[in-house]
């Protein structure tokens, strides 16, 4: 089987990407990060999702981005609440983690070289999203160009392809796709600011996008909200 490295956060998008990669016959190698985020519930979800899809490996790397700060997800900054989906792409919110996808994809690229995996899947989305600059098609294209230039595999003609199959899909389309491919969204966690026992707030950008996606898809959201 062809190997693929899948960036897995434990949310809807990465769970759907795992379903897509599995449906295409890939041997899955999940990669998650303990990067100093506000809570560990997403890492627990990433583990559940990886086991559900029978990943051959699940690597959790610790990178303390909290020492850098600059984000509501890694430092003591208030998480925005109550923004409408239409308002989200108009600015870059404080939940943006500086250079996060660049850091994550760089580690994925290194692991892919070692595994001889020529596909890296990432669940970025440029339609129903919070306005992050590293979720856009031009960013993925630029990283692909860098990967071609900066790796032994790329220089020797064995390209490692950065695949972002959700990038032009609405959240409702992503959810329908995942359901079609057998994803179990009860295993996922999306909230930026859950309660101490892991209950989603229902008010942050991620919760609002998730709830709106399920509503538009006509599918019941299995998440528990405060």
N, C-alpha and C. Protein backbone atom coordinates (compact mmCIF):
# COMPACT_ATOMS: atom_id res chain seq x y z
N UNK A 1 0.83 -1.19 0.00
CA UNK A 1 0.00 0.00 0.00
C UNK A 1 0.87 1.25 0.00
N UNK A 2 0.41 2.28 -0.70
CA UNK A 2 1.10 3.56 -0.65
C UNK A 2 0.92 4.16 0.74
N UNK A 3 1.96 4.82 1.22
CA UNK A 3 1.91 5.46 2.53
C UNK A 3 1.55 6.93 2.37
N UNK A 4 0.83 7.46 3.36
CA UNK A 4 0.54 8.89 3.40
C UNK A 4 0.63 9.38 4.84
N UNK A 5 1.19 10.56 5.00
CA UNK A 5 1.19 11.23 6.30
C UNK A 5 -0.03 12.14 6.35
N UNK A 6 -0.82 12.01 7.42
CA UNK A 6 -2.04 12.80 7.58
C UNK A 6 -1.89 13.69 8.80
N UNK A 7 -2.02 15.00 8.63
CA UNK A 7 -2.03 15.89 9.78
C UNK A 7 -3.40 15.78 10.46
N UNK A 8 -3.39 15.39 11.73
CA UNK A 8 -4.64 15.07 12.44
C UNK A 8 -4.75 15.94 13.68
N UNK A 9 -5.74 16.81 13.70
CA UNK A 9 -5.98 17.68 14.85
C UNK A 9 -7.07 17.14 15.76
N UNK A 10 -7.86 16.19 15.27
CA UNK A 10 -8.99 15.69 16.04
C UNK A 10 -10.30 16.35 15.71
N UNK A 11 -10.31 17.27 14.73
CA UNK A 11 -11.53 17.96 14.34
C UNK A 11 -12.19 17.34 13.13
N UNK A 12 -13.25 17.99 12.65
CA UNK A 12 -14.03 17.50 11.51
C UNK A 12 -13.17 17.40 10.25
N UNK A 13 -12.40 18.45 9.97
CA UNK A 13 -11.67 18.49 8.71
C UNK A 13 -10.62 17.38 8.62
N UNK A 14 -9.82 17.23 9.66
CA UNK A 14 -8.77 16.20 9.59
C UNK A 14 -9.37 14.80 9.63
N UNK A 15 -10.50 14.63 10.32
CA UNK A 15 -11.17 13.33 10.31
C UNK A 15 -11.67 13.00 8.90
N UNK A 16 -12.22 14.00 8.22
CA UNK A 16 -12.69 13.79 6.85
C UNK A 16 -11.52 13.48 5.91
N UNK A 17 -10.41 14.17 6.10
CA UNK A 17 -9.23 13.92 5.28
C UNK A 17 -8.73 12.49 5.47
N UNK A 18 -8.76 12.00 6.71
CA UNK A 18 -8.36 10.61 6.95
C UNK A 18 -9.29 9.65 6.21
N UNK A 19 -10.59 9.96 6.21
CA UNK A 19 -11.54 9.12 5.49
C UNK A 19 -11.26 9.13 4.00
N UNK A 20 -10.92 10.29 3.46
CA UNK A 20 -10.61 10.40 2.03
C UNK A 20 -9.35 9.59 1.71
N UNK A 21 -8.30 9.77 2.51
CA UNK A 21 -7.05 9.06 2.25
C UNK A 21 -7.26 7.54 2.34
N UNK A 22 -8.02 7.10 3.31
CA UNK A 22 -8.29 5.66 3.43
C UNK A 22 -9.07 5.15 2.23
N UNK A 23 -10.05 5.94 1.76
CA UNK A 23 -10.86 5.53 0.61
C UNK A 23 -10.04 5.42 -0.66
N UNK A 24 -8.91 6.14 -0.70
CA UNK A 24 -8.02 6.10 -1.86
C UNK A 24 -6.94 5.02 -1.71
N UNK A 25 -7.03 4.23 -0.66
CA UNK A 25 -6.15 3.08 -0.52
C UNK A 25 -4.82 3.33 0.14
N UNK A 26 -4.68 4.45 0.84
CA UNK A 26 -3.42 4.76 1.48
C UNK A 26 -3.27 4.04 2.82
N UNK A 27 -2.03 3.72 3.14
CA UNK A 27 -1.64 3.27 4.47
C UNK A 27 -1.41 4.55 5.29
N UNK A 28 -2.19 4.74 6.35
CA UNK A 28 -2.24 6.03 7.04
C UNK A 28 -1.22 6.14 8.17
N UNK A 29 -0.50 7.25 8.17
CA UNK A 29 0.41 7.60 9.27
C UNK A 29 -0.02 8.96 9.80
N UNK A 30 -0.63 8.96 10.96
CA UNK A 30 -1.19 10.18 11.54
C UNK A 30 -0.12 10.96 12.29
N UNK A 31 -0.18 12.28 12.15
CA UNK A 31 0.77 13.17 12.81
C UNK A 31 0.00 14.28 13.52
N UNK A 32 0.19 14.37 14.84
CA UNK A 32 -0.46 15.40 15.65
C UNK A 32 0.60 16.14 16.46
N UNK A 33 0.20 17.28 17.03
CA UNK A 33 1.15 18.11 17.74
C UNK A 33 0.61 18.56 19.09
N UNK A 34 1.40 18.36 20.10
CA UNK A 34 1.16 18.93 21.42
C UNK A 34 1.98 20.22 21.45
N UNK A 35 1.34 21.32 21.03
CA UNK A 35 2.11 22.53 20.76
C UNK A 35 1.88 23.64 21.79
N UNK A 36 1.37 23.27 22.96
CA UNK A 36 1.11 24.26 23.98
C UNK A 36 -0.27 24.89 23.85
N UNK A 37 -1.19 24.18 23.18
CA UNK A 37 -2.54 24.69 23.01
C UNK A 37 -3.30 24.73 24.34
N UNK A 38 -4.44 25.41 24.33
CA UNK A 38 -5.18 25.69 25.56
C UNK A 38 -5.65 24.44 26.28
N UNK A 39 -5.88 23.36 25.56
CA UNK A 39 -6.41 22.15 26.18
C UNK A 39 -5.92 20.93 25.41
N UNK A 40 -6.13 19.76 26.01
CA UNK A 40 -5.64 18.52 25.41
C UNK A 40 -6.76 17.69 24.78
N UNK A 41 -7.98 18.20 24.80
CA UNK A 41 -9.10 17.41 24.27
C UNK A 41 -8.95 17.11 22.79
N UNK A 42 -8.35 18.05 22.05
CA UNK A 42 -8.18 17.80 20.61
C UNK A 42 -7.17 16.68 20.38
N UNK A 43 -6.15 16.57 21.24
CA UNK A 43 -5.20 15.47 21.10
C UNK A 43 -5.84 14.13 21.42
N UNK A 44 -6.72 14.11 22.42
CA UNK A 44 -7.45 12.89 22.72
C UNK A 44 -8.32 12.49 21.54
N UNK A 45 -8.97 13.47 20.92
CA UNK A 45 -9.79 13.19 19.74
C UNK A 45 -8.93 12.71 18.58
N UNK A 46 -7.76 13.30 18.41
CA UNK A 46 -6.86 12.86 17.33
C UNK A 46 -6.49 11.40 17.51
N UNK A 47 -6.28 10.98 18.74
CA UNK A 47 -5.99 9.58 19.00
C UNK A 47 -7.16 8.68 18.67
N UNK A 48 -8.37 9.11 19.05
CA UNK A 48 -9.56 8.30 18.76
C UNK A 48 -9.79 8.18 17.25
N UNK A 49 -9.64 9.30 16.54
CA UNK A 49 -9.85 9.28 15.09
C UNK A 49 -8.81 8.39 14.41
N UNK A 50 -7.56 8.48 14.85
CA UNK A 50 -6.50 7.66 14.25
C UNK A 50 -6.74 6.18 14.47
N UNK A 51 -7.20 5.83 15.65
CA UNK A 51 -7.51 4.41 15.92
C UNK A 51 -8.71 3.96 15.10
N UNK A 52 -9.71 4.84 14.96
CA UNK A 52 -10.91 4.50 14.21
C UNK A 52 -10.58 4.14 12.76
N UNK A 53 -9.64 4.88 12.19
CA UNK A 53 -9.26 4.65 10.79
C UNK A 53 -8.09 3.68 10.66
N UNK A 54 -7.72 3.03 11.75
CA UNK A 54 -6.67 1.99 11.74
C UNK A 54 -5.36 2.52 11.16
N UNK A 55 -4.95 3.71 11.62
CA UNK A 55 -3.67 4.25 11.19
C UNK A 55 -2.54 3.31 11.61
N UNK A 56 -1.59 3.12 10.73
CA UNK A 56 -0.44 2.26 11.03
C UNK A 56 0.47 2.88 12.08
N UNK A 57 0.40 4.18 12.22
CA UNK A 57 1.17 4.87 13.24
C UNK A 57 0.51 6.19 13.58
N UNK A 58 0.66 6.63 14.83
CA UNK A 58 0.19 7.95 15.22
C UNK A 58 1.28 8.60 16.06
N UNK A 59 1.95 9.55 15.47
CA UNK A 59 3.05 10.25 16.11
C UNK A 59 2.55 11.58 16.66
N UNK A 60 2.79 11.81 17.96
CA UNK A 60 2.43 13.08 18.59
C UNK A 60 3.73 13.78 18.98
N UNK A 61 4.02 14.89 18.32
CA UNK A 61 5.24 15.64 18.58
C UNK A 61 4.96 16.82 19.50
N UNK A 62 5.85 17.04 20.46
CA UNK A 62 5.69 18.17 21.36
C UNK A 62 6.57 19.34 20.87
N UNK A 63 5.91 20.45 20.59
CA UNK A 63 6.59 21.69 20.21
C UNK A 63 5.92 22.81 21.00
N UNK A 64 6.60 23.40 21.92
CA UNK A 64 5.95 24.37 22.81
C UNK A 64 5.89 25.75 22.17
N UNK A 65 4.84 25.97 21.38
CA UNK A 65 4.65 27.29 20.78
C UNK A 65 4.13 28.30 21.80
N UNK A 66 3.78 27.82 22.99
CA UNK A 66 3.36 28.73 24.04
C UNK A 66 4.46 29.68 24.47
N UNK A 67 5.72 29.26 24.34
CA UNK A 67 6.81 30.16 24.72
C UNK A 67 6.95 31.31 23.74
N UNK A 68 6.41 31.12 22.52
CA UNK A 68 6.39 32.21 21.55
C UNK A 68 5.15 33.07 21.77
N UNK A 69 4.00 32.40 22.02
CA UNK A 69 2.77 33.14 22.28
C UNK A 69 2.20 33.76 21.02
N UNK A 70 1.49 34.87 21.20
CA UNK A 70 0.94 35.60 20.07
C UNK A 70 -0.39 35.08 19.57
N UNK A 71 -0.99 34.13 20.28
CA UNK A 71 -2.26 33.56 19.85
C UNK A 71 -3.13 33.27 21.06
N UNK A 72 -4.44 33.40 20.87
CA UNK A 72 -5.37 33.04 21.95
C UNK A 72 -5.36 31.55 22.23
N UNK A 73 -4.82 30.75 21.30
CA UNK A 73 -4.77 29.31 21.52
C UNK A 73 -3.53 28.87 22.27
N UNK A 74 -2.53 29.75 22.39
CA UNK A 74 -1.29 29.35 23.06
C UNK A 74 -0.88 30.30 24.18
N UNK A 75 -1.64 31.34 24.43
CA UNK A 75 -1.29 32.29 25.48
C UNK A 75 -2.56 32.83 26.14
N UNK A 76 -2.39 33.71 27.08
CA UNK A 76 -3.50 34.18 27.91
C UNK A 76 -4.23 35.34 27.23
N UNK A 77 -4.78 35.05 26.05
CA UNK A 77 -5.56 36.03 25.28
C UNK A 77 -6.98 35.49 25.18
N UNK A 78 -7.96 36.35 25.32
CA UNK A 78 -9.36 35.92 25.30
C UNK A 78 -9.75 35.42 23.93
N UNK A 79 -10.41 34.26 23.88
CA UNK A 79 -10.91 33.68 22.63
C UNK A 79 -12.15 34.45 22.19
N UNK A 80 -12.19 34.95 20.95
CA UNK A 80 -13.38 35.68 20.48
C UNK A 80 -14.61 34.79 20.48
N UNK A 81 -15.75 35.39 20.75
CA UNK A 81 -17.00 34.65 20.75
C UNK A 81 -18.07 35.42 19.99
N UNK A 82 -19.00 34.67 19.41
CA UNK A 82 -20.19 35.27 18.82
C UNK A 82 -20.02 35.89 17.45
N UNK A 83 -18.91 35.64 16.76
CA UNK A 83 -18.74 36.19 15.42
C UNK A 83 -19.58 35.39 14.43
N UNK A 84 -20.15 36.05 13.46
CA UNK A 84 -20.91 35.35 12.43
C UNK A 84 -19.95 34.77 11.41
N UNK A 85 -20.33 33.68 10.71
CA UNK A 85 -19.46 33.12 9.68
C UNK A 85 -19.06 34.13 8.61
N UNK A 86 -19.97 35.05 8.26
CA UNK A 86 -19.65 36.05 7.24
C UNK A 86 -18.56 37.01 7.70
N UNK A 87 -18.49 37.27 8.99
CA UNK A 87 -17.53 38.23 9.51
C UNK A 87 -16.14 37.63 9.69
N UNK A 88 -16.05 36.31 9.76
CA UNK A 88 -14.79 35.67 10.13
C UNK A 88 -13.65 35.91 9.15
N UNK A 89 -13.85 35.79 7.81
CA UNK A 89 -12.71 35.96 6.90
C UNK A 89 -12.26 37.41 6.70
N UNK A 90 -12.93 38.38 7.36
CA UNK A 90 -12.62 39.78 7.11
C UNK A 90 -11.33 40.23 7.78
N UNK A 91 -10.89 39.52 8.79
CA UNK A 91 -9.62 39.84 9.42
C UNK A 91 -8.98 38.55 9.93
N UNK A 92 -7.74 38.64 10.35
CA UNK A 92 -7.05 37.49 10.91
C UNK A 92 -7.25 37.52 12.41
N UNK A 93 -7.95 36.55 12.97
CA UNK A 93 -8.32 36.61 14.39
C UNK A 93 -7.16 36.26 15.31
N UNK A 94 -7.36 36.54 16.60
CA UNK A 94 -6.31 36.27 17.58
C UNK A 94 -6.13 34.77 17.83
N UNK A 95 -7.01 33.94 17.29
CA UNK A 95 -6.82 32.49 17.40
C UNK A 95 -5.82 31.97 16.36
N UNK A 96 -5.39 32.81 15.44
CA UNK A 96 -4.32 32.43 14.50
C UNK A 96 -3.04 32.16 15.29
N UNK A 97 -2.46 30.99 15.06
CA UNK A 97 -1.18 30.63 15.69
C UNK A 97 -0.07 30.92 14.69
N UNK A 98 0.87 31.82 15.01
CA UNK A 98 1.88 32.23 14.03
C UNK A 98 2.61 31.04 13.39
N UNK A 99 2.51 30.98 12.06
CA UNK A 99 3.25 30.01 11.23
C UNK A 99 2.91 28.56 11.56
N UNK A 100 1.75 28.29 12.17
CA UNK A 100 1.45 26.93 12.63
C UNK A 100 1.47 25.90 11.51
N UNK A 101 0.77 26.14 10.42
CA UNK A 101 0.73 25.13 9.36
C UNK A 101 2.08 24.94 8.69
N UNK A 102 2.87 26.01 8.63
CA UNK A 102 4.23 25.88 8.08
C UNK A 102 5.07 24.97 8.96
N UNK A 103 4.96 25.16 10.27
CA UNK A 103 5.69 24.31 11.22
C UNK A 103 5.21 22.87 11.10
N UNK A 104 3.90 22.68 11.11
CA UNK A 104 3.35 21.32 11.07
C UNK A 104 3.70 20.61 9.76
N UNK A 105 3.55 21.30 8.65
CA UNK A 105 3.86 20.68 7.36
C UNK A 105 5.35 20.36 7.22
N UNK A 106 6.19 21.17 7.83
CA UNK A 106 7.63 20.90 7.77
C UNK A 106 7.97 19.58 8.47
N UNK A 107 7.37 19.34 9.63
CA UNK A 107 7.57 18.07 10.31
C UNK A 107 6.96 16.92 9.52
N UNK A 108 5.80 17.16 8.92
CA UNK A 108 5.17 16.13 8.10
C UNK A 108 6.06 15.77 6.91
N UNK A 109 6.69 16.78 6.33
CA UNK A 109 7.59 16.57 5.19
C UNK A 109 8.79 15.73 5.60
N UNK A 110 9.34 16.02 6.77
CA UNK A 110 10.48 15.25 7.26
C UNK A 110 10.09 13.79 7.50
N UNK A 111 8.95 13.56 8.13
CA UNK A 111 8.51 12.19 8.41
C UNK A 111 8.21 11.45 7.11
N UNK A 112 7.59 12.16 6.16
CA UNK A 112 7.27 11.54 4.88
C UNK A 112 8.54 11.06 4.16
N UNK A 113 9.59 11.86 4.22
CA UNK A 113 10.85 11.44 3.60
C UNK A 113 11.38 10.15 4.22
N UNK A 114 11.30 10.07 5.54
CA UNK A 114 11.80 8.88 6.23
C UNK A 114 10.94 7.66 5.91
N UNK A 115 9.62 7.86 5.87
CA UNK A 115 8.69 6.76 5.60
C UNK A 115 8.65 6.35 4.14
N UNK A 116 9.21 7.16 3.26
CA UNK A 116 9.02 7.00 1.81
C UNK A 116 7.54 7.12 1.46
N UNK A 117 6.91 8.10 2.09
CA UNK A 117 5.51 8.42 1.80
C UNK A 117 5.50 9.62 0.88
N UNK A 118 4.79 9.52 -0.23
CA UNK A 118 4.85 10.58 -1.24
C UNK A 118 3.58 11.41 -1.29
N UNK A 119 2.78 11.31 -0.23
CA UNK A 119 1.57 12.14 -0.12
C UNK A 119 1.43 12.60 1.33
N UNK A 120 1.17 13.91 1.49
CA UNK A 120 0.86 14.49 2.79
C UNK A 120 -0.52 15.12 2.68
N UNK A 121 -1.42 14.73 3.56
CA UNK A 121 -2.78 15.26 3.57
C UNK A 121 -2.94 16.26 4.70
N UNK A 122 -3.54 17.40 4.38
CA UNK A 122 -3.83 18.42 5.38
C UNK A 122 -5.26 18.93 5.15
N UNK A 123 -5.98 19.18 6.23
CA UNK A 123 -7.40 19.52 6.13
C UNK A 123 -7.70 21.00 6.09
N UNK A 124 -6.84 21.80 5.47
CA UNK A 124 -7.10 23.24 5.40
C UNK A 124 -8.28 23.51 4.48
N UNK A 125 -8.95 24.62 4.77
CA UNK A 125 -10.16 24.99 4.03
C UNK A 125 -10.22 26.50 3.89
N UNK A 126 -10.51 26.97 2.69
CA UNK A 126 -10.48 28.40 2.41
C UNK A 126 -11.86 29.02 2.22
N UNK A 127 -12.92 28.26 2.48
CA UNK A 127 -14.27 28.82 2.35
C UNK A 127 -14.89 29.09 3.72
N UNK A 128 -15.30 28.03 4.43
CA UNK A 128 -15.85 28.20 5.77
C UNK A 128 -14.71 28.07 6.78
N UNK A 129 -14.04 29.19 7.04
CA UNK A 129 -12.88 29.16 7.93
C UNK A 129 -12.77 30.51 8.63
N UNK A 130 -11.80 30.63 9.54
CA UNK A 130 -11.69 31.82 10.39
C UNK A 130 -10.80 32.92 9.83
N UNK A 131 -10.32 32.77 8.60
CA UNK A 131 -9.50 33.82 8.01
C UNK A 131 -8.01 33.64 8.17
N UNK A 132 -7.55 32.42 8.44
CA UNK A 132 -6.12 32.17 8.63
C UNK A 132 -5.39 32.21 7.29
N UNK A 133 -4.24 32.90 7.21
CA UNK A 133 -3.53 33.01 5.93
C UNK A 133 -2.93 31.69 5.45
N UNK A 134 -2.67 30.76 6.37
CA UNK A 134 -2.05 29.49 5.98
C UNK A 134 -3.08 28.40 5.68
N UNK A 135 -4.28 28.83 5.29
CA UNK A 135 -5.32 27.89 4.85
C UNK A 135 -5.73 28.15 3.40
N UNK A 136 -4.99 28.99 2.69
CA UNK A 136 -5.38 29.41 1.34
C UNK A 136 -4.67 28.58 0.27
N UNK A 137 -5.27 28.45 -0.91
CA UNK A 137 -4.64 27.69 -2.00
C UNK A 137 -3.25 28.20 -2.35
N UNK A 138 -3.05 29.52 -2.35
CA UNK A 138 -1.74 30.05 -2.72
C UNK A 138 -0.67 29.66 -1.70
N UNK A 139 -1.08 29.48 -0.45
CA UNK A 139 -0.12 29.02 0.56
C UNK A 139 0.29 27.57 0.29
N UNK A 140 -0.69 26.70 0.02
CA UNK A 140 -0.38 25.30 -0.25
C UNK A 140 0.52 25.20 -1.49
N UNK A 141 0.24 26.00 -2.51
CA UNK A 141 1.07 25.99 -3.72
C UNK A 141 2.50 26.41 -3.39
N UNK A 142 2.65 27.44 -2.56
CA UNK A 142 3.98 27.92 -2.20
C UNK A 142 4.74 26.87 -1.39
N UNK A 143 4.04 26.19 -0.47
CA UNK A 143 4.72 25.16 0.31
C UNK A 143 5.12 23.99 -0.58
N UNK A 144 4.29 23.67 -1.55
CA UNK A 144 4.64 22.60 -2.49
C UNK A 144 5.92 22.95 -3.25
N UNK A 145 6.02 24.19 -3.68
CA UNK A 145 7.24 24.62 -4.38
C UNK A 145 8.46 24.48 -3.48
N UNK A 146 8.32 24.86 -2.22
CA UNK A 146 9.42 24.73 -1.27
C UNK A 146 9.79 23.26 -1.07
N UNK A 147 8.76 22.39 -0.91
CA UNK A 147 9.01 20.97 -0.69
C UNK A 147 9.77 20.36 -1.87
N UNK A 148 9.43 20.78 -3.08
CA UNK A 148 10.13 20.27 -4.27
C UNK A 148 11.60 20.66 -4.27
N UNK A 149 11.90 21.83 -3.71
CA UNK A 149 13.27 22.34 -3.73
C UNK A 149 14.10 21.89 -2.53
N UNK A 150 13.44 21.62 -1.40
CA UNK A 150 14.16 21.50 -0.14
C UNK A 150 14.33 20.07 0.35
N UNK A 151 13.86 19.08 -0.40
CA UNK A 151 13.96 17.69 0.05
C UNK A 151 14.78 16.86 -0.92
N UNK A 152 15.44 15.85 -0.41
CA UNK A 152 16.18 14.93 -1.27
C UNK A 152 15.23 14.26 -2.26
N UNK A 153 14.06 13.84 -1.76
CA UNK A 153 13.10 13.17 -2.65
C UNK A 153 12.70 14.09 -3.80
N UNK A 154 12.44 15.35 -3.50
CA UNK A 154 12.03 16.29 -4.54
C UNK A 154 13.13 16.55 -5.55
N UNK A 155 14.34 16.74 -5.06
CA UNK A 155 15.47 17.03 -5.94
C UNK A 155 15.78 15.83 -6.84
N UNK A 156 15.59 14.62 -6.32
CA UNK A 156 15.88 13.42 -7.11
C UNK A 156 14.69 12.95 -7.94
N UNK A 157 13.63 13.78 -7.98
CA UNK A 157 12.52 13.50 -8.88
C UNK A 157 11.39 12.68 -8.30
N UNK A 158 11.40 12.49 -6.97
CA UNK A 158 10.31 11.76 -6.32
C UNK A 158 9.54 12.74 -5.44
N UNK A 159 8.63 13.48 -6.06
CA UNK A 159 7.94 14.57 -5.36
C UNK A 159 7.07 14.04 -4.23
N UNK A 160 7.08 14.75 -3.12
CA UNK A 160 6.12 14.53 -2.05
C UNK A 160 5.01 15.55 -2.24
N UNK A 161 3.81 15.07 -2.52
CA UNK A 161 2.70 15.95 -2.88
C UNK A 161 1.94 16.39 -1.63
N UNK A 162 1.73 17.70 -1.51
CA UNK A 162 0.91 18.26 -0.43
C UNK A 162 -0.53 18.28 -0.92
N UNK A 163 -1.37 17.50 -0.29
CA UNK A 163 -2.75 17.35 -0.74
C UNK A 163 -3.71 18.01 0.25
N UNK A 164 -4.54 18.90 -0.27
CA UNK A 164 -5.52 19.63 0.54
C UNK A 164 -6.89 19.44 -0.09
N UNK A 165 -7.49 18.25 0.04
CA UNK A 165 -8.72 17.94 -0.70
C UNK A 165 -9.94 18.73 -0.28
N UNK A 166 -9.89 19.41 0.87
CA UNK A 166 -11.06 20.15 1.37
C UNK A 166 -10.98 21.64 1.08
N UNK A 167 -9.94 22.09 0.41
CA UNK A 167 -9.63 23.51 0.41
C UNK A 167 -10.72 24.36 -0.23
N UNK A 168 -11.47 23.82 -1.17
CA UNK A 168 -12.53 24.59 -1.84
C UNK A 168 -13.93 24.09 -1.49
N UNK A 169 -14.06 23.43 -0.34
CA UNK A 169 -15.35 22.88 0.07
C UNK A 169 -15.93 23.66 1.24
N UNK A 170 -17.25 23.82 1.23
CA UNK A 170 -17.94 24.38 2.38
C UNK A 170 -17.97 23.35 3.51
N UNK A 171 -18.16 23.85 4.73
CA UNK A 171 -18.16 22.94 5.88
C UNK A 171 -19.24 21.87 5.74
N UNK A 172 -20.41 22.26 5.22
CA UNK A 172 -21.48 21.28 5.05
C UNK A 172 -21.10 20.21 4.04
N UNK A 173 -20.38 20.60 2.99
CA UNK A 173 -19.92 19.62 1.99
C UNK A 173 -18.88 18.68 2.59
N UNK A 174 -18.02 19.23 3.44
CA UNK A 174 -17.02 18.41 4.11
C UNK A 174 -17.70 17.36 4.99
N UNK A 175 -18.71 17.79 5.72
CA UNK A 175 -19.42 16.87 6.62
C UNK A 175 -20.13 15.78 5.82
N UNK A 176 -20.80 16.16 4.75
CA UNK A 176 -21.48 15.15 3.92
C UNK A 176 -20.47 14.16 3.34
N UNK A 177 -19.33 14.67 2.90
CA UNK A 177 -18.29 13.80 2.34
C UNK A 177 -17.81 12.81 3.38
N UNK A 178 -17.57 13.29 4.58
CA UNK A 178 -17.10 12.41 5.64
C UNK A 178 -18.11 11.34 6.00
N UNK A 179 -19.37 11.73 6.10
CA UNK A 179 -20.43 10.76 6.40
C UNK A 179 -20.50 9.71 5.31
N UNK A 180 -20.40 10.15 4.06
CA UNK A 180 -20.43 9.23 2.92
C UNK A 180 -19.31 8.20 3.00
N UNK A 181 -18.16 8.62 3.54
CA UNK A 181 -16.98 7.75 3.60
C UNK A 181 -16.84 7.04 4.95
N UNK A 182 -17.83 7.21 5.82
CA UNK A 182 -17.83 6.44 7.06
C UNK A 182 -17.16 7.10 8.25
N UNK A 183 -16.92 8.41 8.20
CA UNK A 183 -16.34 9.10 9.35
C UNK A 183 -17.32 9.12 10.51
N UNK A 184 -16.79 9.07 11.72
CA UNK A 184 -17.61 9.13 12.93
C UNK A 184 -17.28 10.44 13.65
N UNK A 185 -18.13 11.45 13.46
CA UNK A 185 -17.84 12.77 14.01
C UNK A 185 -18.09 12.86 15.51
N UNK A 186 -18.66 11.82 16.11
CA UNK A 186 -18.79 11.82 17.57
C UNK A 186 -17.42 11.68 18.23
N UNK A 187 -16.41 11.27 17.46
CA UNK A 187 -15.06 11.13 18.00
C UNK A 187 -14.28 12.44 17.97
N UNK A 188 -14.82 13.44 17.29
CA UNK A 188 -14.06 14.67 17.03
C UNK A 188 -14.29 15.73 18.10
N UNK A 189 -13.39 16.70 18.12
CA UNK A 189 -13.52 17.85 19.01
C UNK A 189 -13.11 19.09 18.22
N UNK A 190 -13.92 20.15 18.30
CA UNK A 190 -13.66 21.34 17.50
C UNK A 190 -13.45 22.61 18.32
N UNK A 191 -13.89 22.63 19.57
CA UNK A 191 -13.98 23.88 20.34
C UNK A 191 -12.61 24.43 20.72
N UNK A 192 -12.45 25.75 20.60
CA UNK A 192 -11.24 26.43 21.02
C UNK A 192 -11.18 26.61 22.53
N UNK A 193 -12.34 26.69 23.17
CA UNK A 193 -12.38 27.08 24.58
C UNK A 193 -13.38 26.23 25.36
N UNK A 194 -13.15 24.92 25.46
CA UNK A 194 -14.12 24.05 26.14
C UNK A 194 -14.08 24.23 27.65
N UNK A 195 -15.10 23.70 28.31
CA UNK A 195 -15.14 23.69 29.77
C UNK A 195 -14.08 22.71 30.29
N UNK A 196 -13.79 22.74 31.60
CA UNK A 196 -12.78 21.83 32.15
C UNK A 196 -13.07 20.35 31.90
N UNK A 197 -14.34 20.01 31.72
CA UNK A 197 -14.68 18.61 31.44
C UNK A 197 -14.87 18.33 29.95
N UNK A 198 -14.46 19.27 29.10
CA UNK A 198 -14.42 19.03 27.67
C UNK A 198 -15.68 19.37 26.90
N UNK A 199 -16.65 20.04 27.54
CA UNK A 199 -17.87 20.42 26.84
C UNK A 199 -17.59 21.65 25.98
N UNK A 200 -17.99 21.59 24.72
CA UNK A 200 -17.74 22.69 23.79
C UNK A 200 -18.51 23.94 24.20
N UNK A 201 -17.89 25.11 23.98
CA UNK A 201 -18.51 26.37 24.42
C UNK A 201 -19.71 26.75 23.56
N UNK A 202 -19.67 26.41 22.26
CA UNK A 202 -20.76 26.76 21.37
C UNK A 202 -20.71 28.18 20.85
N UNK A 203 -19.71 28.97 21.26
CA UNK A 203 -19.68 30.40 20.93
C UNK A 203 -18.43 30.84 20.19
N UNK A 204 -17.36 30.04 20.23
CA UNK A 204 -16.13 30.43 19.51
C UNK A 204 -16.32 30.22 18.01
N UNK A 205 -15.38 30.74 17.23
CA UNK A 205 -15.47 30.62 15.77
C UNK A 205 -15.61 29.16 15.34
N UNK A 206 -14.80 28.29 15.93
CA UNK A 206 -14.80 26.90 15.50
C UNK A 206 -16.13 26.22 15.80
N UNK A 207 -16.70 26.48 16.97
CA UNK A 207 -18.00 25.91 17.31
C UNK A 207 -19.09 26.43 16.38
N UNK A 208 -19.06 27.74 16.10
CA UNK A 208 -20.08 28.33 15.23
C UNK A 208 -20.00 27.75 13.82
N UNK A 209 -18.80 27.61 13.28
CA UNK A 209 -18.64 27.03 11.95
C UNK A 209 -19.09 25.57 11.93
N UNK A 210 -18.78 24.84 12.99
CA UNK A 210 -19.19 23.45 13.07
C UNK A 210 -20.72 23.33 13.11
N UNK A 211 -21.35 24.10 13.98
CA UNK A 211 -22.82 24.02 14.11
C UNK A 211 -23.51 24.43 12.81
N UNK A 212 -23.00 25.48 12.16
CA UNK A 212 -23.58 25.93 10.90
C UNK A 212 -23.39 24.87 9.81
N UNK A 213 -22.23 24.21 9.80
CA UNK A 213 -21.98 23.17 8.81
C UNK A 213 -22.95 22.00 8.96
N UNK A 214 -23.15 21.55 10.17
CA UNK A 214 -24.10 20.45 10.39
C UNK A 214 -25.52 20.88 10.04
N UNK A 215 -25.86 22.13 10.39
CA UNK A 215 -27.20 22.62 10.08
C UNK A 215 -27.43 22.62 8.57
N UNK A 216 -26.47 23.16 7.80
CA UNK A 216 -26.61 23.22 6.35
C UNK A 216 -26.61 21.82 5.73
N UNK A 217 -25.86 20.90 6.34
CA UNK A 217 -25.81 19.54 5.81
C UNK A 217 -27.06 18.73 6.15
N UNK A 218 -27.86 19.24 7.08
CA UNK A 218 -29.06 18.51 7.49
C UNK A 218 -28.74 17.27 8.29
N UNK A 219 -27.63 17.32 9.03
CA UNK A 219 -27.17 16.18 9.82
C UNK A 219 -27.03 16.62 11.27
N UNK A 220 -27.41 15.77 12.20
CA UNK A 220 -27.34 16.12 13.61
C UNK A 220 -25.88 16.16 14.08
N UNK A 221 -25.53 17.22 14.78
CA UNK A 221 -24.18 17.38 15.32
C UNK A 221 -24.06 16.57 16.61
N UNK A 222 -23.14 15.60 16.68
CA UNK A 222 -23.03 14.78 17.88
C UNK A 222 -22.28 15.46 19.03
N UNK A 223 -21.76 16.67 18.83
CA UNK A 223 -21.01 17.34 19.89
C UNK A 223 -21.92 17.79 21.01
N UNK A 224 -21.38 17.85 22.22
CA UNK A 224 -22.07 18.39 23.38
C UNK A 224 -21.64 19.84 23.57
N UNK A 225 -22.64 20.73 23.72
CA UNK A 225 -22.36 22.14 23.89
C UNK A 225 -22.85 22.63 25.24
N UNK A 226 -22.14 23.61 25.79
CA UNK A 226 -22.54 24.20 27.07
C UNK A 226 -23.87 24.93 26.89
